[in-house]
Amino acid sequence: MTFFYVLFSVYILAVNFYGFRFLKGQRDAAEAGEQVPGDGKLLLAALLGGSVAIYAAMFCMKYRLGSLALMLVLPLLSVFNLYCFFLGFRGIYLFL
């Protein structure tokens, strides 16, 4: 059981780190004048569990705050992800 907790924690940290780095990469590309990729990968990373880090990074970096879709979807996904993390750490696995 401890193995699943460690695996779940590493997964959460990895997805949140990826989401943060992806948003930072978008911001750096926009500042350099390069073409900024769309929101698809960003929303996928948020859906997979990185919405809390992406939402926090948006405010820390003051980037993409004008995007209405992200400002509405990310808080909802954050609440849903935090609830799923809570269930996962309580020991209620949906797929096991």
PDB file of N, CA and C in Angstrom:
ATOM      1  N   MET A   1       0.823  -1.185   0.000  1.00  0.00           N
ATOM      2  CA  MET A   1       0.000   0.000   0.000  1.00  0.00           C
ATOM      3  C   MET A   1       0.870   1.253   0.000  1.00  0.00           C
ATOM      4  N   THR A   2       1.989   1.211   0.703  1.00  0.00           N
ATOM      5  CA  THR A   2       2.887   2.359   0.749  1.00  0.00           C
ATOM      6  C   THR A   2       3.452   2.652  -0.635  1.00  0.00           C
ATOM      7  N   PHE A   3       3.682   1.603  -1.416  1.00  0.00           N
ATOM      8  CA  PHE A   3       4.179   1.782  -2.772  1.00  0.00           C
ATOM      9  C   PHE A   3       3.216   2.620  -3.606  1.00  0.00           C
ATOM     10  N   PHE A   4       1.915   2.392  -3.454  1.00  0.00           N
ATOM     11  CA  PHE A   4       0.932   3.153  -4.213  1.00  0.00           C
ATOM     12  C   PHE A   4       0.896   4.612  -3.775  1.00  0.00           C
ATOM     13  N   TYR A   5       1.075   4.862  -2.481  1.00  0.00           N
ATOM     14  CA  TYR A   5       1.125   6.238  -1.998  1.00  0.00           C
ATOM     15  C   TYR A   5       2.334   6.977  -2.581  1.00  0.00           C
ATOM     16  N   VAL A   6       3.478   6.323  -2.594  1.00  0.00           N
ATOM     17  CA  VAL A   6       4.683   6.927  -3.146  1.00  0.00           C
ATOM     18  C   VAL A   6       4.517   7.152  -4.646  1.00  0.00           C
ATOM     19  N   LEU A   7       3.993   6.182  -5.342  1.00  0.00           N
ATOM     20  CA  LEU A   7       3.773   6.298  -6.775  1.00  0.00           C
ATOM     21  C   LEU A   7       2.786   7.425  -7.086  1.00  0.00           C
ATOM     22  N   PHE A   8       1.725   7.524  -6.331  1.00  0.00           N
ATOM     23  CA  PHE A   8       0.725   8.565  -6.507  1.00  0.00           C
ATOM     24  C   PHE A   8       1.323   9.945  -6.232  1.00  0.00           C
ATOM     25  N   SER A   9       2.156  10.053  -5.197  1.00  0.00           N
ATOM     26  CA  SER A   9       2.799  11.325  -4.867  1.00  0.00           C
ATOM     27  C   SER A   9       3.765  11.761  -5.956  1.00  0.00           C
ATOM     28  N   VAL A  10       4.533  10.832  -6.476  1.00  0.00           N
ATOM     29  CA  VAL A  10       5.472  11.152  -7.552  1.00  0.00           C
ATOM     30  C   VAL A  10       4.715  11.578  -8.798  1.00  0.00           C
ATOM     31  N   TYR A  11       3.612  10.922  -9.096  1.00  0.00           N
ATOM     32  CA  TYR A  11       2.790  11.295 -10.248  1.00  0.00           C
ATOM     33  C   TYR A  11       2.257  12.726 -10.097  1.00  0.00           C
ATOM     34  N   ILE A  12       1.737  13.054  -8.932  1.00  0.00           N
ATOM     35  CA  ILE A  12       1.194  14.391  -8.693  1.00  0.00           C
ATOM     36  C   ILE A  12       2.289  15.445  -8.834  1.00  0.00           C
ATOM     37  N   LEU A  13       3.437  15.198  -8.251  1.00  0.00           N
ATOM     38  CA  LEU A  13       4.538  16.146  -8.350  1.00  0.00           C
ATOM     39  C   LEU A  13       5.020  16.306  -9.786  1.00  0.00           C
ATOM     40  N   ALA A  14       5.102  15.218 -10.529  1.00  0.00           N
ATOM     41  CA  ALA A  14       5.576  15.276 -11.907  1.00  0.00           C
ATOM     42  C   ALA A  14       4.612  16.052 -12.798  1.00  0.00           C
ATOM     43  N   VAL A  15       3.332  15.811 -12.672  1.00  0.00           N
ATOM     44  CA  VAL A  15       2.359  16.517 -13.505  1.00  0.00           C
ATOM     45  C   VAL A  15       2.315  17.992 -13.151  1.00  0.00           C
ATOM     46  N   ASN A  16       2.387  18.329 -11.872  1.00  0.00           N
ATOM     47  CA  ASN A  16       2.401  19.729 -11.471  1.00  0.00           C
ATOM     48  C   ASN A  16       3.669  20.429 -11.950  1.00  0.00           C
ATOM     49  N   PHE A  17       4.800  19.759 -11.874  1.00  0.00           N
ATOM     50  CA  PHE A  17       6.055  20.332 -12.362  1.00  0.00           C
ATOM     51  C   PHE A  17       5.988  20.547 -13.875  1.00  0.00           C
ATOM     52  N   TYR A  18       5.454  19.577 -14.612  1.00  0.00           N
ATOM     53  CA  TYR A  18       5.320  19.712 -16.059  1.00  0.00           C
ATOM     54  C   TYR A  18       4.410  20.892 -16.410  1.00  0.00           C
ATOM     55  N   GLY A  19       3.297  21.022 -15.729  1.00  0.00           N
ATOM     56  CA  GLY A  19       2.380  22.125 -15.997  1.00  0.00           C
ATOM     57  C   GLY A  19       3.023  23.474 -15.726  1.00  0.00           C
ATOM     58  N   PHE A  20       3.756  23.578 -14.627  1.00  0.00           N
ATOM     59  CA  PHE A  20       4.443  24.825 -14.299  1.00  0.00           C
ATOM     60  C   PHE A  20       5.484  25.162 -15.357  1.00  0.00           C
ATOM     61  N   ARG A  21       6.293  24.182 -15.740  1.00  0.00           N
ATOM     62  CA  ARG A  21       7.332  24.416 -16.746  1.00  0.00           C
ATOM     63  C   ARG A  21       6.736  24.734 -18.111  1.00  0.00           C
ATOM     64  N   PHE A  22       5.620  24.107 -18.459  1.00  0.00           N
ATOM     65  CA  PHE A  22       4.994  24.376 -19.743  1.00  0.00           C
ATOM     66  C   PHE A  22       4.471  25.812 -19.794  1.00  0.00           C
ATOM     67  N   LEU A  23       3.859  26.277 -18.710  1.00  0.00           N
ATOM     68  CA  LEU A  23       3.372  27.652 -18.668  1.00  0.00           C
ATOM     69  C   LEU A  23       4.536  28.636 -18.712  1.00  0.00           C
ATOM     70  N   LYS A  24       5.619  28.316 -18.019  1.00  0.00           N
ATOM     71  CA  LYS A  24       6.800  29.180 -18.052  1.00  0.00           C
ATOM     72  C   LYS A  24       7.397  29.196 -19.453  1.00  0.00           C
ATOM     73  N   GLY A  25       7.394  28.073 -20.131  1.00  0.00           N
ATOM     74  CA  GLY A  25       7.888  28.027 -21.506  1.00  0.00           C
ATOM     75  C   GLY A  25       7.025  28.854 -22.445  1.00  0.00           C
ATOM     76  N   GLN A  26       5.714  28.822 -22.246  1.00  0.00           N
ATOM     77  CA  GLN A  26       4.826  29.661 -23.043  1.00  0.00           C
ATOM     78  C   GLN A  26       5.115  31.141 -22.804  1.00  0.00           C
ATOM     79  N   ARG A  27       5.302  31.511 -21.554  1.00  0.00           N
ATOM     80  CA  ARG A  27       5.578  32.910 -21.233  1.00  0.00           C
ATOM     81  C   ARG A  27       6.897  33.365 -21.837  1.00  0.00           C
ATOM     82  N   ASP A  28       7.930  32.512 -21.745  1.00  0.00           N
ATOM     83  CA  ASP A  28       9.227  32.869 -22.309  1.00  0.00           C
ATOM     84  C   ASP A  28       9.161  32.995 -23.829  1.00  0.00           C
ATOM     85  N   ALA A  29       8.387  32.122 -24.472  1.00  0.00           N
ATOM     86  CA  ALA A  29       8.233  32.198 -25.923  1.00  0.00           C
ATOM     87  C   ALA A  29       7.475  33.460 -26.325  1.00  0.00           C
ATOM     88  N   ALA A  30       6.498  33.852 -25.549  1.00  0.00           N
ATOM     89  CA  ALA A  30       5.741  35.070 -25.854  1.00  0.00           C
ATOM     90  C   ALA A  30       6.609  36.308 -25.681  1.00  0.00           C
ATOM     91  N   GLU A  31       7.456  36.308 -24.660  1.00  0.00           N
ATOM     92  CA  GLU A  31       8.344  37.449 -24.447  1.00  0.00           C
ATOM     93  C   GLU A  31       9.413  37.540 -25.526  1.00  0.00           C
ATOM     94  N   ALA A  32       9.826  36.393 -26.074  1.00  0.00           N
ATOM     95  CA  ALA A  32      10.847  36.379 -27.121  1.00  0.00           C
ATOM     96  C   ALA A  32      10.250  36.689 -28.489  1.00  0.00           C
ATOM     97  N   GLY A  33       8.936  36.750 -28.581  1.00  0.00           N
ATOM     98  CA  GLY A  33       8.290  37.059 -29.853  1.00  0.00           C
ATOM     99  C   GLY A  33       8.046  35.846 -30.723  1.00  0.00           C
ATOM    100  N   GLU A  34       8.241  34.668 -30.182  1.00  0.00           N
ATOM    101  CA  GLU A  34       8.014  33.439 -30.929  1.00  0.00           C
ATOM    102  C   GLU A  34       6.539  33.073 -30.907  1.00  0.00           C
ATOM    103  N   GLN A  35       6.187  32.080 -31.717  1.00  0.00           N
ATOM    104  CA  GLN A  35       4.796  31.625 -31.748  1.00  0.00           C
ATOM    105  C   GLN A  35       4.503  30.818 -30.483  1.00  0.00           C
ATOM    106  N   VAL A  36       3.419  31.175 -29.798  1.00  0.00           N
ATOM    107  CA  VAL A  36       3.029  30.514 -28.554  1.00  0.00           C
ATOM    108  C   VAL A  36       2.101  29.353 -28.895  1.00  0.00           C
ATOM    109  N   PRO A  37       2.388  28.148 -28.374  1.00  0.00           N
ATOM    110  CA  PRO A  37       1.484  27.026 -28.640  1.00  0.00           C
ATOM    111  C   PRO A  37       0.112  27.251 -28.017  1.00  0.00           C
ATOM    112  N   GLY A  38      -0.859  26.505 -28.484  1.00  0.00           N
ATOM    113  CA  GLY A  38      -2.224  26.656 -28.000  1.00  0.00           C
ATOM    114  C   GLY A  38      -2.415  26.164 -26.580  1.00  0.00           C
ATOM    115  N   ASP A  39      -3.652  26.220 -26.147  1.00  0.00           N
ATOM    116  CA  ASP A  39      -3.975  25.849 -24.774  1.00  0.00           C
ATOM    117  C   ASP A  39      -4.273  24.365 -24.605  1.00  0.00           C
ATOM    118  N   GLY A  40      -4.220  23.586 -25.655  1.00  0.00           N
ATOM    119  CA  GLY A  40      -4.578  22.174 -25.574  1.00  0.00           C
ATOM    120  C   GLY A  40      -3.718  21.386 -24.610  1.00  0.00           C
ATOM    121  N   LYS A  41      -2.391  21.514 -24.747  1.00  0.00           N
ATOM    122  CA  LYS A  41      -1.485  20.790 -23.851  1.00  0.00           C
ATOM    123  C   LYS A  41      -1.599  21.305 -22.418  1.00  0.00           C
ATOM    124  N   LEU A  42      -1.822  22.589 -22.299  1.00  0.00           N
ATOM    125  CA  LEU A  42      -1.961  23.178 -20.968  1.00  0.00           C
ATOM    126  C   LEU A  42      -3.210  22.648 -20.264  1.00  0.00           C
ATOM    127  N   LEU A  43      -4.313  22.572 -20.986  1.00  0.00           N
ATOM    128  CA  LEU A  43      -5.542  22.034 -20.402  1.00  0.00           C
ATOM    129  C   LEU A  43      -5.435  20.534 -20.142  1.00  0.00           C
ATOM    130  N   LEU A  44      -4.703  19.819 -20.993  1.00  0.00           N
ATOM    131  CA  LEU A  44      -4.497  18.387 -20.755  1.00  0.00           C
ATOM    132  C   LEU A  44      -3.678  18.161 -19.489  1.00  0.00           C
ATOM    133  N   ALA A  45      -2.629  18.946 -19.303  1.00  0.00           N
ATOM    134  CA  ALA A  45      -1.831  18.830 -18.078  1.00  0.00           C
ATOM    135  C   ALA A  45      -2.669  19.182 -16.856  1.00  0.00           C
ATOM    136  N   ALA A  46      -3.552  20.160 -16.998  1.00  0.00           N
ATOM    137  CA  ALA A  46      -4.432  20.533 -15.886  1.00  0.00           C
ATOM    138  C   ALA A  46      -5.425  19.422 -15.590  1.00  0.00           C
ATOM    139  N   LEU A  47      -5.935  18.802 -16.629  1.00  0.00           N
ATOM    140  CA  LEU A  47      -6.897  17.719 -16.449  1.00  0.00           C
ATOM    141  C   LEU A  47      -6.256  16.490 -15.810  1.00  0.00           C
ATOM    142  N   LEU A  48      -4.995  16.247 -16.108  1.00  0.00           N
ATOM    143  CA  LEU A  48      -4.291  15.091 -15.554  1.00  0.00           C
ATOM    144  C   LEU A  48      -3.849  15.295 -14.108  1.00  0.00           C
ATOM    145  N   GLY A  49      -4.014  16.511 -13.588  1.00  0.00           N
ATOM    146  CA  GLY A  49      -3.699  16.720 -12.180  1.00  0.00           C
ATOM    147  C   GLY A  49      -2.827  17.912 -11.888  1.00  0.00           C
ATOM    148  N   GLY A  50      -2.467  18.693 -12.870  1.00  0.00           N
ATOM    149  CA  GLY A  50      -1.573  19.819 -12.638  1.00  0.00           C
ATOM    150  C   GLY A  50      -2.255  21.165 -12.597  1.00  0.00           C
ATOM    151  N   SER A  51      -3.554  21.177 -12.398  1.00  0.00           N
ATOM    152  CA  SER A  51      -4.288  22.443 -12.472  1.00  0.00           C
ATOM    153  C   SER A  51      -3.939  23.390 -11.332  1.00  0.00           C
ATOM    154  N   VAL A  52      -3.611  22.873 -10.186  1.00  0.00           N
ATOM    155  CA  VAL A  52      -3.281  23.735  -9.043  1.00  0.00           C
ATOM    156  C   VAL A  52      -1.987  24.495  -9.322  1.00  0.00           C
ATOM    157  N   ALA A  53      -0.976  23.812  -9.829  1.00  0.00           N
ATOM    158  CA  ALA A  53       0.297  24.472 -10.124  1.00  0.00           C
ATOM    159  C   ALA A  53       0.164  25.440 -11.286  1.00  0.00           C
ATOM    160  N   ILE A  54      -0.611  25.085 -12.298  1.00  0.00           N
ATOM    161  CA  ILE A  54      -0.792  25.979 -13.444  1.00  0.00           C
ATOM    162  C   ILE A  54      -1.530  27.233 -13.023  1.00  0.00           C
ATOM    163  N   TYR A  55      -2.570  27.070 -12.237  1.00  0.00           N
ATOM    164  CA  TYR A  55      -3.347  28.225 -11.781  1.00  0.00           C
ATOM    165  C   TYR A  55      -2.501  29.131 -10.897  1.00  0.00           C
ATOM    166  N   ALA A  56      -1.716  28.551 -10.020  1.00  0.00           N
ATOM    167  CA  ALA A  56      -0.838  29.349  -9.154  1.00  0.00           C
ATOM    168  C   ALA A  56       0.251  30.036  -9.981  1.00  0.00           C
ATOM    169  N   ALA A  57       0.782  29.343 -10.971  1.00  0.00           N
ATOM    170  CA  ALA A  57       1.833  29.926 -11.809  1.00  0.00           C
ATOM    171  C   ALA A  57       1.296  31.076 -12.655  1.00  0.00           C
ATOM    172  N   MET A  58       0.036  30.988 -13.069  1.00  0.00           N
ATOM    173  CA  MET A  58      -0.547  32.080 -13.839  1.00  0.00           C
ATOM    174  C   MET A  58      -0.548  33.374 -13.027  1.00  0.00           C
ATOM    175  N   PHE A  59      -0.820  33.267 -11.746  1.00  0.00           N
ATOM    176  CA  PHE A  59      -0.848  34.453 -10.903  1.00  0.00           C
ATOM    177  C   PHE A  59       0.554  34.896 -10.503  1.00  0.00           C
ATOM    178  N   CYS A  60       1.452  33.950 -10.255  1.00  0.00           N
ATOM    179  CA  CYS A  60       2.817  34.322  -9.878  1.00  0.00           C
ATOM    180  C   CYS A  60       3.545  35.017 -11.017  1.00  0.00           C
ATOM    181  N   MET A  61       3.351  34.517 -12.238  1.00  0.00           N
ATOM    182  CA  MET A  61       4.032  35.091 -13.401  1.00  0.00           C
ATOM    183  C   MET A  61       3.223  36.188 -14.082  1.00  0.00           C
ATOM    184  N   LYS A  62       1.971  36.370 -13.667  1.00  0.00           N
ATOM    185  CA  LYS A  62       1.060  37.350 -14.270  1.00  0.00           C
ATOM    186  C   LYS A  62       0.983  37.155 -15.786  1.00  0.00           C
ATOM    187  N   TYR A  63       0.748  35.928 -16.172  1.00  0.00           N
ATOM    188  CA  TYR A  63       0.699  35.554 -17.583  1.00  0.00           C
ATOM    189  C   TYR A  63      -0.604  34.823 -17.879  1.00  0.00           C
ATOM    190  N   ARG A  64      -1.226  35.134 -18.984  1.00  0.00           N
ATOM    191  CA  ARG A  64      -2.454  34.512 -19.485  1.00  0.00           C
ATOM    192  C   ARG A  64      -3.658  34.754 -18.570  1.00  0.00           C
ATOM    193  N   LEU A  65      -3.623  35.817 -17.801  1.00  0.00           N
ATOM    194  CA  LEU A  65      -4.740  36.109 -16.916  1.00  0.00           C
ATOM    195  C   LEU A  65      -5.943  36.638 -17.687  1.00  0.00           C
ATOM    196  N   GLY A  66      -5.747  37.048 -18.930  1.00  0.00           N
ATOM    197  CA  GLY A  66      -6.847  37.549 -19.739  1.00  0.00           C
ATOM    198  C   GLY A  66      -7.619  36.460 -20.454  1.00  0.00           C
ATOM    199  N   SER A  67      -7.146  35.237 -20.413  1.00  0.00           N
ATOM    200  CA  SER A  67      -7.818  34.129 -21.083  1.00  0.00           C
ATOM    201  C   SER A  67      -9.010  33.670 -20.247  1.00  0.00           C
ATOM    202  N   LEU A  68     -10.202  33.947 -20.750  1.00  0.00           N
ATOM    203  CA  LEU A  68     -11.410  33.651 -19.987  1.00  0.00           C
ATOM    204  C   LEU A  68     -11.600  32.144 -19.777  1.00  0.00           C
ATOM    205  N   ALA A  69     -11.289  31.356 -20.801  1.00  0.00           N
ATOM    206  CA  ALA A  69     -11.465  29.903 -20.686  1.00  0.00           C
ATOM    207  C   ALA A  69     -10.584  29.334 -19.574  1.00  0.00           C
ATOM    208  N   LEU A  70      -9.321  29.755 -19.544  1.00  0.00           N
ATOM    209  CA  LEU A  70      -8.422  29.246 -18.503  1.00  0.00           C
ATOM    210  C   LEU A  70      -8.829  29.737 -17.119  1.00  0.00           C
ATOM    211  N   MET A  71      -9.294  30.965 -17.031  1.00  0.00           N
ATOM    212  CA  MET A  71      -9.658  31.505 -15.722  1.00  0.00           C
ATOM    213  C   MET A  71     -10.937  30.889 -15.171  1.00  0.00           C
ATOM    214  N   LEU A  72     -11.752  30.303 -16.032  1.00  0.00           N
ATOM    215  CA  LEU A  72     -12.953  29.615 -15.556  1.00  0.00           C
ATOM    216  C   LEU A  72     -12.731  28.126 -15.336  1.00  0.00           C
ATOM    217  N   VAL A  73     -11.976  27.498 -16.225  1.00  0.00           N
ATOM    218  CA  VAL A  73     -11.807  26.044 -16.177  1.00  0.00           C
ATOM    219  C   VAL A  73     -10.806  25.624 -15.104  1.00  0.00           C
ATOM    220  N   LEU A  74      -9.707  26.357 -14.962  1.00  0.00           N
ATOM    221  CA  LEU A  74      -8.664  25.931 -14.018  1.00  0.00           C
ATOM    222  C   LEU A  74      -9.116  25.889 -12.555  1.00  0.00           C
ATOM    223  N   PRO A  75      -9.878  26.856 -12.048  1.00  0.00           N
ATOM    224  CA  PRO A  75     -10.333  26.705 -10.659  1.00  0.00           C
ATOM    225  C   PRO A  75     -11.267  25.509 -10.465  1.00  0.00           C
ATOM    226  N   LEU A  76     -12.114  25.252 -11.457  1.00  0.00           N
ATOM    227  CA  LEU A  76     -13.003  24.087 -11.355  1.00  0.00           C
ATOM    228  C   LEU A  76     -12.207  22.789 -11.379  1.00  0.00           C
ATOM    229  N   LEU A  77     -11.219  22.710 -12.269  1.00  0.00           N
ATOM    230  CA  LEU A  77     -10.369  21.524 -12.312  1.00  0.00           C
ATOM    231  C   LEU A  77      -9.527  21.399 -11.044  1.00  0.00           C
ATOM    232  N   SER A  78      -9.125  22.522 -10.465  1.00  0.00           N
ATOM    233  CA  SER A  78      -8.344  22.482  -9.221  1.00  0.00           C
ATOM    234  C   SER A  78      -9.147  21.860  -8.085  1.00  0.00           C
ATOM    235  N   VAL A  79     -10.393  22.262  -7.966  1.00  0.00           N
ATOM    236  CA  VAL A  79     -11.247  21.694  -6.919  1.00  0.00           C
ATOM    237  C   VAL A  79     -11.451  20.200  -7.156  1.00  0.00           C
ATOM    238  N   PHE A  80     -11.714  19.833  -8.402  1.00  0.00           N
ATOM    239  CA  PHE A  80     -11.910  18.421  -8.731  1.00  0.00           C
ATOM    240  C   PHE A  80     -10.635  17.615  -8.482  1.00  0.00           C
ATOM    241  N   ASN A  81      -9.473  18.144  -8.885  1.00  0.00           N
ATOM    242  CA  ASN A  81      -8.208  17.440  -8.670  1.00  0.00           C
ATOM    243  C   ASN A  81      -7.881  17.305  -7.191  1.00  0.00           C
ATOM    244  N   LEU A  82      -8.097  18.363  -6.419  1.00  0.00           N
ATOM    245  CA  LEU A  82      -7.827  18.269  -4.987  1.00  0.00           C
ATOM    246  C   LEU A  82      -8.730  17.243  -4.307  1.00  0.00           C
ATOM    247  N   TYR A  83      -9.977  17.158  -4.751  1.00  0.00           N
ATOM    248  CA  TYR A  83     -10.891  16.149  -4.200  1.00  0.00           C
ATOM    249  C   TYR A  83     -10.411  14.743  -4.563  1.00  0.00           C
ATOM    250  N   CYS A  84      -9.968  14.548  -5.802  1.00  0.00           N
ATOM    251  CA  CYS A  84      -9.459  13.230  -6.205  1.00  0.00           C
ATOM    252  C   CYS A  84      -8.178  12.877  -5.458  1.00  0.00           C
ATOM    253  N   PHE A  85      -7.302  13.869  -5.222  1.00  0.00           N
ATOM    254  CA  PHE A  85      -6.089  13.617  -4.454  1.00  0.00           C
ATOM    255  C   PHE A  85      -6.431  13.240  -3.023  1.00  0.00           C
ATOM    256  N   PHE A  86      -7.413  13.913  -2.450  1.00  0.00           N
ATOM    257  CA  PHE A  86      -7.851  13.600  -1.098  1.00  0.00           C
ATOM    258  C   PHE A  86      -8.363  12.157  -1.023  1.00  0.00           C
ATOM    259  N   LEU A  87      -9.171  11.765  -2.003  1.00  0.00           N
ATOM    260  CA  LEU A  87      -9.664  10.383  -2.018  1.00  0.00           C
ATOM    261  C   LEU A  87      -8.533   9.390  -2.203  1.00  0.00           C
ATOM    262  N   GLY A  88      -7.568   9.752  -3.046  1.00  0.00           N
ATOM    263  CA  GLY A  88      -6.440   8.855  -3.282  1.00  0.00           C
ATOM    264  C   GLY A  88      -5.580   8.660  -2.053  1.00  0.00           C
ATOM    265  N   PHE A  89      -5.341   9.715  -1.323  1.00  0.00           N
ATOM    266  CA  PHE A  89      -4.518   9.593  -0.133  1.00  0.00           C
ATOM    267  C   PHE A  89      -5.268   9.016   1.054  1.00  0.00           C
ATOM    268  N   ARG A  90      -6.591   9.033   1.003  1.00  0.00           N
ATOM    269  CA  ARG A  90      -7.367   8.364   2.049  1.00  0.00           C
ATOM    270  C   ARG A  90      -7.372   6.862   1.846  1.00  0.00           C
ATOM    271  N   GLY A  91      -7.027   6.421   0.654  1.00  0.00           N
ATOM    272  CA  GLY A  91      -6.973   4.998   0.400  1.00  0.00           C
ATOM    273  C   GLY A  91      -8.141   4.494  -0.437  1.00  0.00           C
ATOM    274  N   ILE A  92      -8.952   5.373  -0.933  1.00  0.00           N
ATOM    275  CA  ILE A  92     -10.062   4.952  -1.784  1.00  0.00           C
ATOM    276  C   ILE A  92      -9.590   5.070  -3.230  1.00  0.00           C
ATOM    277  N   TYR A  93      -9.265   3.942  -3.814  1.00  0.00           N
ATOM    278  CA  TYR A  93      -8.799   3.923  -5.194  1.00  0.00           C
ATOM    279  C   TYR A  93      -9.982   3.596  -6.092  1.00  0.00           C
ATOM    280  N   LEU A  94     -10.118   4.368  -7.138  1.00  0.00           N
ATOM    281  CA  LEU A  94     -11.231   4.171  -8.046  1.00  0.00           C
ATOM    282  C   LEU A  94     -11.019   2.988  -8.971  1.00  0.00           C
ATOM    283  N   PHE A  95      -9.769   2.691  -9.307  1.00  0.00           N
ATOM    284  CA  PHE A  95      -9.520   1.664 -10.311  1.00  0.00           C
ATOM    285  C   PHE A  95      -8.871   0.411  -9.750  1.00  0.00           C
ATOM    286  N   LEU A  96      -8.616   0.339  -8.482  1.00  0.00           N
ATOM    287  CA  LEU A  96      -7.996  -0.861  -7.913  1.00  0.00           C
ATOM    288  C   LEU A  96      -9.003  -1.698  -7.179  1.00  0.00           C
TER     289      LEU A  96
END
